[in-house]
Amino acid sequence: MLVIGIAGGTGSGKTTVVNNILQQLNAEGVNVLSQDNYYHDNHQLSLSEREALNYDHPKSIDFELLVKHVKALKRGENIEQPLYSFVTHSRTGDHVTVEPKNVLIVEGILVLTNQELLKEFDLKVFVHADSDERLIRRIRRDTQERGRDLHEVLHRYQTTLKPMHQEFIEPSKNEADLIVPNMRKNSVAIDFLSTVINNSLKKAY
């Protein structure tokens, strides 16, 4: 199994890169695990308390479970992936059964910050975008898809997103084997990643 970690700051376009890769591949042979489903389940806290948590610090992620699931898939075992709601800031209680495939992509802002998870990656990718562009994308996503108001988005950006990016996410770029500038459609990088994955898929058959 080929395991690829794809990281980058919030709004950098990680999901777009992953989707562009899948469009060029036999997606049936590829699994994607999103870090977003592995936030700790803080259901014991009130909604206001959950809203106040720092979701951009590595401690917000249940890396123990994520690493356990990656290792299980590599062993050929099914996993029960939790589902997370950004509306309630907690896990929904539902799970999705994920069966092992020939390629596994693990994507999220912090996936290159955890030393145990880094050991499981065969290829590490960092998606880079200008900070202003990332903020614009974050505002669009959070106001249109997650029901947040502009004041809340900007407050969170100033108090947690930006400092956490500088402290944890940007330095994790040093772990990457490949850095993908994503201010425009980067067809060369996408083609390269697609070729690497395709070659892996061909070897599996």
N, C-alpha and C. Protein backbone atom coordinates (compact mmCIF):
# COMPACT_ATOMS: atom_id res chain seq x y z
N MET A 1 0.84 -1.20 0.00
CA MET A 1 0.00 0.00 0.00
C MET A 1 0.88 1.25 0.00
N LEU A 2 0.57 2.17 -0.88
CA LEU A 2 1.24 3.46 -0.93
C LEU A 2 0.47 4.43 -0.05
N VAL A 3 1.16 5.06 0.93
CA VAL A 3 0.52 5.99 1.85
C VAL A 3 1.10 7.38 1.64
N ILE A 4 0.23 8.34 1.36
CA ILE A 4 0.64 9.71 1.06
C ILE A 4 0.02 10.66 2.07
N GLY A 5 0.83 11.51 2.67
CA GLY A 5 0.34 12.54 3.56
C GLY A 5 0.32 13.88 2.84
N ILE A 6 -0.81 14.56 2.88
CA ILE A 6 -0.93 15.87 2.22
C ILE A 6 -1.37 16.90 3.25
N ALA A 7 -0.49 17.87 3.52
CA ALA A 7 -0.76 18.91 4.51
C ALA A 7 -0.69 20.29 3.86
N GLY A 8 -0.90 21.30 4.69
CA GLY A 8 -0.90 22.68 4.22
C GLY A 8 -1.81 23.49 5.12
N GLY A 9 -1.65 24.80 5.09
CA GLY A 9 -2.46 25.66 5.94
C GLY A 9 -3.93 25.64 5.59
N THR A 10 -4.75 26.13 6.50
CA THR A 10 -6.18 26.22 6.23
C THR A 10 -6.42 27.06 4.97
N GLY A 11 -7.25 26.55 4.08
CA GLY A 11 -7.54 27.28 2.86
C GLY A 11 -6.45 27.20 1.81
N SER A 12 -5.46 26.33 2.00
CA SER A 12 -4.36 26.24 1.03
C SER A 12 -4.78 25.50 -0.24
N GLY A 13 -5.83 24.71 -0.15
CA GLY A 13 -6.31 23.97 -1.32
C GLY A 13 -5.96 22.50 -1.30
N LYS A 14 -5.74 21.94 -0.11
CA LYS A 14 -5.40 20.52 0.00
C LYS A 14 -6.47 19.64 -0.63
N THR A 15 -7.73 19.92 -0.29
CA THR A 15 -8.83 19.10 -0.80
C THR A 15 -8.93 19.22 -2.31
N THR A 16 -8.69 20.40 -2.85
CA THR A 16 -8.71 20.60 -4.30
C THR A 16 -7.62 19.77 -4.96
N VAL A 17 -6.42 19.77 -4.37
CA VAL A 17 -5.32 18.96 -4.91
C VAL A 17 -5.70 17.48 -4.90
N VAL A 18 -6.25 17.02 -3.78
CA VAL A 18 -6.66 15.61 -3.68
C VAL A 18 -7.70 15.29 -4.75
N ASN A 19 -8.71 16.15 -4.90
CA ASN A 19 -9.76 15.91 -5.88
C ASN A 19 -9.22 15.91 -7.31
N ASN A 20 -8.27 16.80 -7.58
CA ASN A 20 -7.66 16.84 -8.92
C ASN A 20 -6.88 15.56 -9.21
N ILE A 21 -6.23 15.03 -8.18
CA ILE A 21 -5.51 13.77 -8.34
C ILE A 21 -6.48 12.63 -8.62
N LEU A 22 -7.57 12.58 -7.84
CA LEU A 22 -8.55 11.51 -8.00
C LEU A 22 -9.21 11.53 -9.36
N GLN A 23 -9.38 12.74 -9.93
CA GLN A 23 -9.99 12.86 -11.25
C GLN A 23 -9.13 12.22 -12.34
N GLN A 24 -7.83 12.15 -12.08
CA GLN A 24 -6.93 11.58 -13.08
C GLN A 24 -6.63 10.10 -12.85
N LEU A 25 -7.20 9.56 -11.79
CA LEU A 25 -6.87 8.19 -11.40
C LEU A 25 -8.07 7.27 -11.43
N ASN A 26 -7.76 5.99 -11.23
CA ASN A 26 -8.80 5.03 -10.92
C ASN A 26 -9.10 5.18 -9.43
N ALA A 27 -10.05 6.06 -9.11
CA ALA A 27 -10.32 6.41 -7.71
C ALA A 27 -10.77 5.20 -6.89
N GLU A 28 -11.22 4.14 -7.56
CA GLU A 28 -11.67 2.96 -6.83
C GLU A 28 -10.53 2.29 -6.06
N GLY A 29 -9.30 2.59 -6.46
CA GLY A 29 -8.16 1.99 -5.78
C GLY A 29 -7.53 2.90 -4.74
N VAL A 30 -8.22 4.03 -4.42
CA VAL A 30 -7.64 5.03 -3.52
C VAL A 30 -8.61 5.33 -2.37
N ASN A 31 -8.08 5.34 -1.14
CA ASN A 31 -8.83 5.81 0.02
C ASN A 31 -8.30 7.17 0.44
N VAL A 32 -9.19 8.01 0.96
CA VAL A 32 -8.78 9.29 1.50
C VAL A 32 -9.28 9.39 2.94
N LEU A 33 -8.36 9.56 3.88
CA LEU A 33 -8.72 9.80 5.27
C LEU A 33 -8.48 11.28 5.55
N SER A 34 -9.51 11.96 6.03
CA SER A 34 -9.38 13.38 6.36
C SER A 34 -9.14 13.55 7.85
N GLN A 35 -8.12 14.35 8.17
CA GLN A 35 -7.86 14.70 9.56
C GLN A 35 -9.10 15.28 10.23
N ASP A 36 -9.97 15.93 9.46
CA ASP A 36 -11.14 16.60 10.02
C ASP A 36 -12.06 15.65 10.78
N ASN A 37 -12.02 14.36 10.44
CA ASN A 37 -12.87 13.40 11.14
C ASN A 37 -12.22 12.84 12.40
N TYR A 38 -11.00 13.31 12.70
CA TYR A 38 -10.27 12.76 13.84
C TYR A 38 -10.02 13.80 14.94
N TYR A 39 -10.84 14.85 14.96
CA TYR A 39 -10.79 15.74 16.12
C TYR A 39 -11.28 14.97 17.34
N HIS A 40 -10.73 15.29 18.49
CA HIS A 40 -11.19 14.64 19.72
C HIS A 40 -12.68 14.92 19.91
N ASP A 41 -13.37 13.93 20.44
CA ASP A 41 -14.81 14.07 20.70
C ASP A 41 -15.00 14.69 22.07
N ASN A 42 -15.38 15.98 22.08
CA ASN A 42 -15.55 16.70 23.33
C ASN A 42 -17.03 16.86 23.70
N HIS A 43 -17.78 15.78 23.54
CA HIS A 43 -19.22 15.85 23.77
C HIS A 43 -19.57 16.16 25.22
N GLN A 44 -18.61 15.92 26.13
CA GLN A 44 -18.87 16.19 27.54
C GLN A 44 -18.88 17.69 27.84
N LEU A 45 -18.38 18.50 26.92
CA LEU A 45 -18.37 19.96 27.10
C LEU A 45 -19.63 20.58 26.51
N SER A 46 -19.97 21.75 26.99
CA SER A 46 -21.11 22.47 26.41
C SER A 46 -20.71 23.01 25.04
N LEU A 47 -21.71 23.39 24.23
CA LEU A 47 -21.42 23.90 22.89
C LEU A 47 -20.53 25.14 22.96
N SER A 48 -20.82 26.04 23.90
CA SER A 48 -20.01 27.25 24.01
C SER A 48 -18.57 26.92 24.39
N GLU A 49 -18.40 25.89 25.23
CA GLU A 49 -17.05 25.46 25.61
C GLU A 49 -16.33 24.83 24.42
N ARG A 50 -17.07 24.04 23.62
CA ARG A 50 -16.46 23.43 22.44
C ARG A 50 -16.09 24.49 21.41
N GLU A 51 -16.91 25.52 21.29
CA GLU A 51 -16.63 26.59 20.33
C GLU A 51 -15.37 27.35 20.69
N ALA A 52 -15.03 27.37 21.96
CA ALA A 52 -13.87 28.14 22.43
C ALA A 52 -12.56 27.38 22.32
N LEU A 53 -12.61 26.10 21.98
CA LEU A 53 -11.40 25.29 21.90
C LEU A 53 -10.53 25.69 20.71
N ASN A 54 -9.25 25.41 20.82
CA ASN A 54 -8.29 25.68 19.74
C ASN A 54 -8.19 24.44 18.84
N TYR A 55 -8.81 24.51 17.68
CA TYR A 55 -8.85 23.36 16.78
C TYR A 55 -7.69 23.34 15.79
N ASP A 56 -6.73 24.24 15.97
CA ASP A 56 -5.59 24.30 15.07
C ASP A 56 -4.29 23.89 15.77
N HIS A 57 -4.42 23.40 17.00
CA HIS A 57 -3.28 22.88 17.75
C HIS A 57 -3.23 21.36 17.57
N PRO A 58 -2.04 20.79 17.43
CA PRO A 58 -1.95 19.33 17.27
C PRO A 58 -2.68 18.53 18.34
N LYS A 59 -2.80 19.08 19.55
CA LYS A 59 -3.48 18.35 20.64
C LYS A 59 -4.98 18.21 20.39
N SER A 60 -5.52 18.96 19.42
CA SER A 60 -6.95 18.84 19.12
C SER A 60 -7.26 17.59 18.30
N ILE A 61 -6.23 16.96 17.77
CA ILE A 61 -6.41 15.81 16.89
C ILE A 61 -6.16 14.52 17.65
N ASP A 62 -7.02 13.53 17.44
CA ASP A 62 -6.84 12.20 18.03
C ASP A 62 -5.86 11.42 17.14
N PHE A 63 -4.59 11.81 17.23
CA PHE A 63 -3.57 11.16 16.39
C PHE A 63 -3.41 9.69 16.74
N GLU A 64 -3.65 9.35 17.98
CA GLU A 64 -3.54 7.94 18.38
C GLU A 64 -4.49 7.08 17.56
N LEU A 65 -5.73 7.54 17.42
CA LEU A 65 -6.71 6.78 16.63
C LEU A 65 -6.37 6.84 15.15
N LEU A 66 -5.94 7.99 14.65
CA LEU A 66 -5.61 8.12 13.24
C LEU A 66 -4.46 7.20 12.85
N VAL A 67 -3.41 7.17 13.66
CA VAL A 67 -2.27 6.29 13.39
C VAL A 67 -2.71 4.83 13.47
N LYS A 68 -3.53 4.51 14.45
CA LYS A 68 -4.05 3.14 14.60
C LYS A 68 -4.82 2.72 13.34
N HIS A 69 -5.63 3.63 12.80
CA HIS A 69 -6.41 3.32 11.60
C HIS A 69 -5.53 3.17 10.37
N VAL A 70 -4.53 4.02 10.24
CA VAL A 70 -3.61 3.91 9.10
C VAL A 70 -2.88 2.57 9.16
N LYS A 71 -2.40 2.20 10.32
CA LYS A 71 -1.69 0.93 10.47
C LYS A 71 -2.60 -0.25 10.17
N ALA A 72 -3.86 -0.17 10.61
CA ALA A 72 -4.81 -1.26 10.35
C ALA A 72 -5.06 -1.43 8.86
N LEU A 73 -5.25 -0.33 8.16
CA LEU A 73 -5.47 -0.39 6.71
C LEU A 73 -4.25 -0.98 6.01
N LYS A 74 -3.07 -0.62 6.47
CA LYS A 74 -1.84 -1.16 5.87
C LYS A 74 -1.73 -2.67 6.11
N ARG A 75 -2.34 -3.14 7.20
CA ARG A 75 -2.34 -4.58 7.48
C ARG A 75 -3.44 -5.31 6.72
N GLY A 76 -4.25 -4.57 5.98
CA GLY A 76 -5.34 -5.18 5.23
C GLY A 76 -6.63 -5.31 6.00
N GLU A 77 -6.78 -4.55 7.10
CA GLU A 77 -7.97 -4.62 7.94
C GLU A 77 -8.90 -3.46 7.69
N ASN A 78 -10.21 -3.69 7.84
CA ASN A 78 -11.19 -2.61 7.75
C ASN A 78 -11.10 -1.73 8.99
N ILE A 79 -11.52 -0.48 8.84
CA ILE A 79 -11.60 0.42 9.99
C ILE A 79 -12.99 1.05 10.04
N GLU A 80 -13.35 1.55 11.21
CA GLU A 80 -14.60 2.29 11.39
C GLU A 80 -14.22 3.76 11.61
N GLN A 81 -14.26 4.54 10.54
CA GLN A 81 -13.85 5.94 10.63
C GLN A 81 -14.96 6.78 11.25
N PRO A 82 -14.64 7.57 12.29
CA PRO A 82 -15.68 8.43 12.89
C PRO A 82 -16.04 9.57 11.96
N LEU A 83 -17.23 10.13 12.16
CA LEU A 83 -17.67 11.30 11.42
C LEU A 83 -17.77 12.48 12.38
N TYR A 84 -17.34 13.64 11.93
CA TYR A 84 -17.26 14.81 12.79
C TYR A 84 -18.13 15.93 12.23
N SER A 85 -18.79 16.65 13.13
CA SER A 85 -19.64 17.77 12.72
C SER A 85 -19.01 19.09 13.14
N PHE A 86 -18.81 19.98 12.17
CA PHE A 86 -18.25 21.30 12.48
C PHE A 86 -19.34 22.26 12.97
N VAL A 87 -20.57 21.81 12.92
CA VAL A 87 -21.66 22.62 13.46
C VAL A 87 -21.72 22.47 14.98
N THR A 88 -21.62 21.22 15.44
CA THR A 88 -21.69 20.95 16.88
C THR A 88 -20.31 20.83 17.52
N HIS A 89 -19.24 20.82 16.69
CA HIS A 89 -17.88 20.65 17.20
C HIS A 89 -17.74 19.35 18.00
N SER A 90 -18.30 18.29 17.47
CA SER A 90 -18.17 17.00 18.13
C SER A 90 -18.42 15.90 17.10
N ARG A 91 -18.08 14.68 17.45
CA ARG A 91 -18.36 13.55 16.56
C ARG A 91 -19.85 13.28 16.54
N THR A 92 -20.32 12.82 15.40
CA THR A 92 -21.76 12.61 15.25
C THR A 92 -22.23 11.32 15.90
N GLY A 93 -21.31 10.41 16.17
CA GLY A 93 -21.69 9.10 16.69
C GLY A 93 -21.79 8.07 15.59
N ASP A 94 -21.82 8.52 14.34
CA ASP A 94 -21.86 7.61 13.19
C ASP A 94 -20.44 7.29 12.74
N HIS A 95 -20.33 6.18 12.02
CA HIS A 95 -19.04 5.75 11.49
C HIS A 95 -19.19 5.31 10.04
N VAL A 96 -18.09 5.35 9.32
CA VAL A 96 -18.05 4.85 7.95
C VAL A 96 -17.03 3.72 7.90
N THR A 97 -17.43 2.58 7.38
CA THR A 97 -16.51 1.46 7.22
C THR A 97 -15.60 1.72 6.02
N VAL A 98 -14.29 1.69 6.26
CA VAL A 98 -13.31 1.92 5.20
C VAL A 98 -12.54 0.63 4.99
N GLU A 99 -12.58 0.12 3.77
CA GLU A 99 -11.85 -1.10 3.43
C GLU A 99 -10.50 -0.73 2.83
N PRO A 100 -9.48 -1.52 3.10
CA PRO A 100 -8.14 -1.20 2.59
C PRO A 100 -8.08 -1.23 1.06
N LYS A 101 -7.34 -0.30 0.49
CA LYS A 101 -7.12 -0.23 -0.95
C LYS A 101 -5.64 -0.08 -1.20
N ASN A 102 -5.27 0.04 -2.46
CA ASN A 102 -3.84 0.05 -2.80
C ASN A 102 -3.14 1.36 -2.48
N VAL A 103 -3.92 2.44 -2.42
CA VAL A 103 -3.35 3.76 -2.12
C VAL A 103 -4.18 4.41 -1.02
N LEU A 104 -3.49 5.01 -0.05
CA LEU A 104 -4.15 5.73 1.03
C LEU A 104 -3.60 7.15 1.08
N ILE A 105 -4.50 8.14 0.97
CA ILE A 105 -4.13 9.54 1.12
C ILE A 105 -4.68 10.03 2.46
N VAL A 106 -3.80 10.60 3.28
CA VAL A 106 -4.20 11.18 4.56
C VAL A 106 -3.99 12.68 4.44
N GLU A 107 -5.07 13.46 4.56
CA GLU A 107 -4.93 14.90 4.33
C GLU A 107 -5.46 15.70 5.52
N GLY A 108 -4.80 16.84 5.77
CA GLY A 108 -5.21 17.71 6.86
C GLY A 108 -4.11 18.69 7.22
N ILE A 109 -4.46 19.77 7.90
CA ILE A 109 -3.50 20.83 8.16
C ILE A 109 -2.34 20.37 9.04
N LEU A 110 -2.56 19.35 9.88
CA LEU A 110 -1.57 18.97 10.87
C LEU A 110 -0.95 17.59 10.66
N VAL A 111 -1.21 16.97 9.52
CA VAL A 111 -0.80 15.56 9.36
C VAL A 111 0.72 15.39 9.23
N LEU A 112 1.45 16.48 9.00
CA LEU A 112 2.92 16.37 8.95
C LEU A 112 3.57 16.83 10.26
N THR A 113 2.75 17.04 11.31
CA THR A 113 3.30 17.49 12.59
C THR A 113 3.48 16.36 13.59
N ASN A 114 2.93 15.20 13.30
CA ASN A 114 2.96 14.09 14.25
C ASN A 114 4.02 13.06 13.84
N GLN A 115 4.97 12.83 14.71
CA GLN A 115 6.10 11.97 14.37
C GLN A 115 5.68 10.52 14.11
N GLU A 116 4.73 10.01 14.85
CA GLU A 116 4.28 8.63 14.63
C GLU A 116 3.57 8.49 13.28
N LEU A 117 2.78 9.48 12.91
CA LEU A 117 2.09 9.44 11.63
C LEU A 117 3.07 9.59 10.48
N LEU A 118 4.08 10.44 10.66
CA LEU A 118 5.09 10.64 9.61
C LEU A 118 5.77 9.32 9.22
N LYS A 119 5.93 8.44 10.19
CA LYS A 119 6.59 7.15 9.93
C LYS A 119 5.79 6.28 8.96
N GLU A 120 4.48 6.53 8.86
CA GLU A 120 3.61 5.70 8.03
C GLU A 120 3.54 6.18 6.58
N PHE A 121 4.06 7.38 6.30
CA PHE A 121 3.95 7.95 4.96
C PHE A 121 5.10 7.53 4.06
N ASP A 122 4.76 7.15 2.83
CA ASP A 122 5.77 6.89 1.81
C ASP A 122 6.12 8.16 1.04
N LEU A 123 5.16 9.08 0.98
CA LEU A 123 5.36 10.36 0.29
C LEU A 123 4.66 11.45 1.08
N LYS A 124 5.36 12.55 1.33
CA LYS A 124 4.81 13.65 2.13
C LYS A 124 4.73 14.90 1.27
N VAL A 125 3.54 15.51 1.21
CA VAL A 125 3.28 16.65 0.34
C VAL A 125 2.78 17.82 1.17
N PHE A 126 3.27 19.01 0.87
CA PHE A 126 2.79 20.23 1.52
C PHE A 126 2.25 21.16 0.45
N VAL A 127 1.00 21.58 0.60
CA VAL A 127 0.35 22.49 -0.35
C VAL A 127 0.48 23.91 0.18
N HIS A 128 1.10 24.76 -0.60
CA HIS A 128 1.38 26.13 -0.15
C HIS A 128 0.52 27.14 -0.89
N ALA A 129 -0.01 28.09 -0.15
CA ALA A 129 -0.74 29.22 -0.75
C ALA A 129 -0.47 30.46 0.09
N ASP A 130 -0.54 31.63 -0.54
CA ASP A 130 -0.34 32.90 0.13
C ASP A 130 -1.33 33.06 1.29
N SER A 131 -0.88 33.68 2.39
CA SER A 131 -1.71 33.79 3.58
C SER A 131 -3.00 34.59 3.33
N ASP A 132 -2.93 35.63 2.52
CA ASP A 132 -4.14 36.40 2.20
C ASP A 132 -5.14 35.55 1.44
N GLU A 133 -4.64 34.77 0.50
CA GLU A 133 -5.51 33.90 -0.28
C GLU A 133 -6.14 32.83 0.61
N ARG A 134 -5.37 32.30 1.54
CA ARG A 134 -5.90 31.29 2.45
C ARG A 134 -7.00 31.86 3.33
N LEU A 135 -6.81 33.10 3.80
CA LEU A 135 -7.83 33.74 4.63
C LEU A 135 -9.12 33.94 3.85
N ILE A 136 -9.01 34.40 2.61
CA ILE A 136 -10.20 34.60 1.77
C ILE A 136 -10.95 33.29 1.58
N ARG A 137 -10.21 32.22 1.30
CA ARG A 137 -10.84 30.91 1.11
C ARG A 137 -11.50 30.43 2.40
N ARG A 138 -10.84 30.68 3.54
CA ARG A 138 -11.39 30.26 4.82
C ARG A 138 -12.69 31.01 5.12
N ILE A 139 -12.72 32.31 4.85
CA ILE A 139 -13.93 33.10 5.08
C ILE A 139 -15.08 32.56 4.23
N ARG A 140 -14.80 32.29 2.97
CA ARG A 140 -15.85 31.76 2.08
C ARG A 140 -16.38 30.44 2.59
N ARG A 141 -15.48 29.55 2.95
CA ARG A 141 -15.91 28.21 3.39
C ARG A 141 -16.71 28.27 4.68
N ASP A 142 -16.18 28.98 5.68
CA ASP A 142 -16.82 28.98 6.99
C ASP A 142 -18.15 29.72 7.00
N THR A 143 -18.28 30.77 6.19
CA THR A 143 -19.55 31.51 6.16
C THR A 143 -20.58 30.80 5.29
N GLN A 144 -20.13 30.17 4.21
CA GLN A 144 -21.08 29.55 3.28
C GLN A 144 -21.41 28.10 3.62
N GLU A 145 -20.43 27.37 4.17
CA GLU A 145 -20.63 25.93 4.39
C GLU A 145 -20.83 25.57 5.86
N ARG A 146 -20.32 26.39 6.77
CA ARG A 146 -20.34 26.01 8.19
C ARG A 146 -21.15 26.97 9.05
N GLY A 147 -21.84 27.90 8.42
CA GLY A 147 -22.76 28.76 9.15
C GLY A 147 -22.14 29.73 10.12
N ARG A 148 -20.85 30.06 9.94
CA ARG A 148 -20.19 31.00 10.83
C ARG A 148 -20.38 32.44 10.33
N ASP A 149 -20.36 33.41 11.25
CA ASP A 149 -20.42 34.81 10.79
C ASP A 149 -19.00 35.35 10.62
N LEU A 150 -18.89 36.45 9.91
CA LEU A 150 -17.58 36.99 9.55
C LEU A 150 -16.76 37.34 10.79
N HIS A 151 -17.41 37.93 11.79
CA HIS A 151 -16.69 38.32 13.00
C HIS A 151 -16.04 37.10 13.66
N GLU A 152 -16.81 36.01 13.75
CA GLU A 152 -16.29 34.79 14.37
C GLU A 152 -15.10 34.24 13.60
N VAL A 153 -15.20 34.24 12.26
CA VAL A 153 -14.13 33.70 11.43
C VAL A 153 -12.85 34.52 11.60
N LEU A 154 -12.98 35.86 11.57
CA LEU A 154 -11.81 36.72 11.70
C LEU A 154 -11.20 36.64 13.09
N HIS A 155 -12.05 36.53 14.10
CA HIS A 155 -11.55 36.41 15.48
C HIS A 155 -10.75 35.12 15.64
N ARG A 156 -11.29 34.03 15.11
CA ARG A 156 -10.59 32.75 15.23
C ARG A 156 -9.28 32.78 14.44
N TYR A 157 -9.30 33.46 13.28
CA TYR A 157 -8.09 33.55 12.47
C TYR A 157 -6.98 34.27 13.25
N GLN A 158 -7.34 35.37 13.89
CA GLN A 158 -6.35 36.18 14.59
C GLN A 158 -5.84 35.52 15.86
N THR A 159 -6.73 34.81 16.56
CA THR A 159 -6.37 34.27 17.87
C THR A 159 -5.79 32.86 17.82
N THR A 160 -6.20 32.07 16.83
CA THR A 160 -5.70 30.68 16.78
C THR A 160 -5.12 30.28 15.42
N LEU A 161 -5.84 30.55 14.33
CA LEU A 161 -5.39 30.07 13.02
C LEU A 161 -4.00 30.58 12.66
N LYS A 162 -3.82 31.89 12.70
CA LYS A 162 -2.54 32.46 12.29
C LYS A 162 -1.39 32.04 13.20
N PRO A 163 -1.53 32.19 14.54
CA PRO A 163 -0.41 31.77 15.40
C PRO A 163 -0.11 30.27 15.34
N MET A 164 -1.14 29.43 15.21
CA MET A 164 -0.92 27.99 15.11
C MET A 164 -0.26 27.63 13.78
N HIS A 165 -0.64 28.36 12.73
CA HIS A 165 0.00 28.12 11.43
C HIS A 165 1.49 28.41 11.53
N GLN A 166 1.83 29.52 12.16
CA GLN A 166 3.23 29.91 12.27
C GLN A 166 4.02 28.98 13.18
N GLU A 167 3.36 28.47 14.23
CA GLU A 167 4.07 27.63 15.19
C GLU A 167 4.19 26.17 14.77
N PHE A 168 3.14 25.64 14.12
CA PHE A 168 3.12 24.20 13.83
C PHE A 168 3.06 23.85 12.34
N ILE A 169 2.16 24.50 11.61
CA ILE A 169 1.88 24.06 10.25
C ILE A 169 2.99 24.46 9.28
N GLU A 170 3.37 25.72 9.29
CA GLU A 170 4.42 26.17 8.39
C GLU A 170 5.73 25.41 8.62
N PRO A 171 6.16 25.21 9.87
CA PRO A 171 7.39 24.42 10.08
C PRO A 171 7.29 22.98 9.58
N SER A 172 6.08 22.42 9.54
CA SER A 172 5.93 21.04 9.08
C SER A 172 6.23 20.90 7.59
N LYS A 173 6.33 22.04 6.90
CA LYS A 173 6.72 22.02 5.48
C LYS A 173 8.09 21.36 5.31
N ASN A 174 8.93 21.48 6.36
CA ASN A 174 10.28 20.90 6.30
C ASN A 174 10.25 19.37 6.23
N GLU A 175 9.12 18.76 6.59
CA GLU A 175 8.99 17.30 6.53
C GLU A 175 8.59 16.83 5.14
N ALA A 176 8.19 17.76 4.27
CA ALA A 176 7.61 17.38 2.97
C ALA A 176 8.67 16.94 1.97
N ASP A 177 8.31 15.95 1.17
CA ASP A 177 9.14 15.54 0.04
C ASP A 177 8.85 16.40 -1.18
N LEU A 178 7.63 16.94 -1.23
CA LEU A 178 7.19 17.74 -2.37
C LEU A 178 6.34 18.90 -1.87
N ILE A 179 6.66 20.12 -2.32
CA ILE A 179 5.87 21.30 -1.98
C ILE A 179 5.13 21.76 -3.23
N VAL A 180 3.82 21.89 -3.11
CA VAL A 180 2.98 22.24 -4.26
C VAL A 180 2.46 23.67 -4.09
N PRO A 181 2.96 24.63 -4.87
CA PRO A 181 2.38 25.98 -4.84
C PRO A 181 0.97 25.92 -5.41
N ASN A 182 0.00 26.50 -4.71
CA ASN A 182 -1.39 26.34 -5.13
C ASN A 182 -2.10 27.68 -5.26
N MET A 183 -1.39 28.69 -5.80
CA MET A 183 -2.03 29.96 -6.09
C MET A 183 -2.77 29.89 -7.42
N ARG A 184 -2.46 28.89 -8.20
CA ARG A 184 -3.14 28.65 -9.47
C ARG A 184 -3.18 27.14 -9.66
N LYS A 185 -3.84 26.71 -10.71
CA LYS A 185 -3.89 25.27 -10.96
C LYS A 185 -2.51 24.78 -11.36
N ASN A 186 -1.93 23.91 -10.54
CA ASN A 186 -0.57 23.44 -10.76
C ASN A 186 -0.63 22.07 -11.42
N SER A 187 -0.76 22.08 -12.73
CA SER A 187 -0.96 20.82 -13.46
C SER A 187 0.29 19.94 -13.43
N VAL A 188 1.49 20.55 -13.37
CA VAL A 188 2.71 19.75 -13.35
C VAL A 188 2.78 18.91 -12.07
N ALA A 189 2.52 19.55 -10.91
CA ALA A 189 2.56 18.82 -9.64
C ALA A 189 1.47 17.75 -9.58
N ILE A 190 0.28 18.10 -10.06
CA ILE A 190 -0.83 17.13 -10.05
C ILE A 190 -0.49 15.94 -10.94
N ASP A 191 0.07 16.23 -12.13
CA ASP A 191 0.46 15.14 -13.04
C ASP A 191 1.52 14.26 -12.41
N PHE A 192 2.46 14.88 -11.72
CA PHE A 192 3.53 14.10 -11.07
C PHE A 192 2.96 13.17 -10.00
N LEU A 193 2.12 13.72 -9.12
CA LEU A 193 1.52 12.91 -8.07
C LEU A 193 0.65 11.81 -8.65
N SER A 194 -0.10 12.14 -9.69
CA SER A 194 -0.97 11.15 -10.33
C SER A 194 -0.15 10.02 -10.94
N THR A 195 1.00 10.36 -11.52
CA THR A 195 1.87 9.35 -12.12
C THR A 195 2.44 8.42 -11.06
N VAL A 196 2.88 8.99 -9.94
CA VAL A 196 3.42 8.18 -8.84
C VAL A 196 2.36 7.20 -8.34
N ILE A 197 1.14 7.71 -8.14
CA ILE A 197 0.06 6.86 -7.63
C ILE A 197 -0.35 5.82 -8.66
N ASN A 198 -0.42 6.22 -9.91
CA ASN A 198 -0.80 5.29 -10.98
C ASN A 198 0.19 4.15 -11.07
N ASN A 199 1.48 4.46 -10.97
CA ASN A 199 2.50 3.42 -11.03
C ASN A 199 2.33 2.44 -9.88
N SER A 200 1.97 2.95 -8.72
CA SER A 200 1.74 2.09 -7.56
C SER A 200 0.53 1.19 -7.80
N LEU A 201 -0.52 1.76 -8.37
CA LEU A 201 -1.72 0.99 -8.65
C LEU A 201 -1.44 -0.12 -9.66
N LYS A 202 -0.64 0.18 -10.68
CA LYS A 202 -0.32 -0.82 -11.70
C LYS A 202 0.48 -1.99 -11.11
N LYS A 203 1.38 -1.65 -10.17
CA LYS A 203 2.19 -2.70 -9.55
C LYS A 203 1.31 -3.62 -8.70
N ALA A 204 0.20 -3.09 -8.22
CA ALA A 204 -0.67 -3.87 -7.33
C ALA A 204 -1.50 -4.88 -8.11
N TYR A 205 -1.65 -4.66 -9.40
CA TYR A 205 -2.49 -5.56 -10.19
C TYR A 205 -1.66 -6.51 -11.02
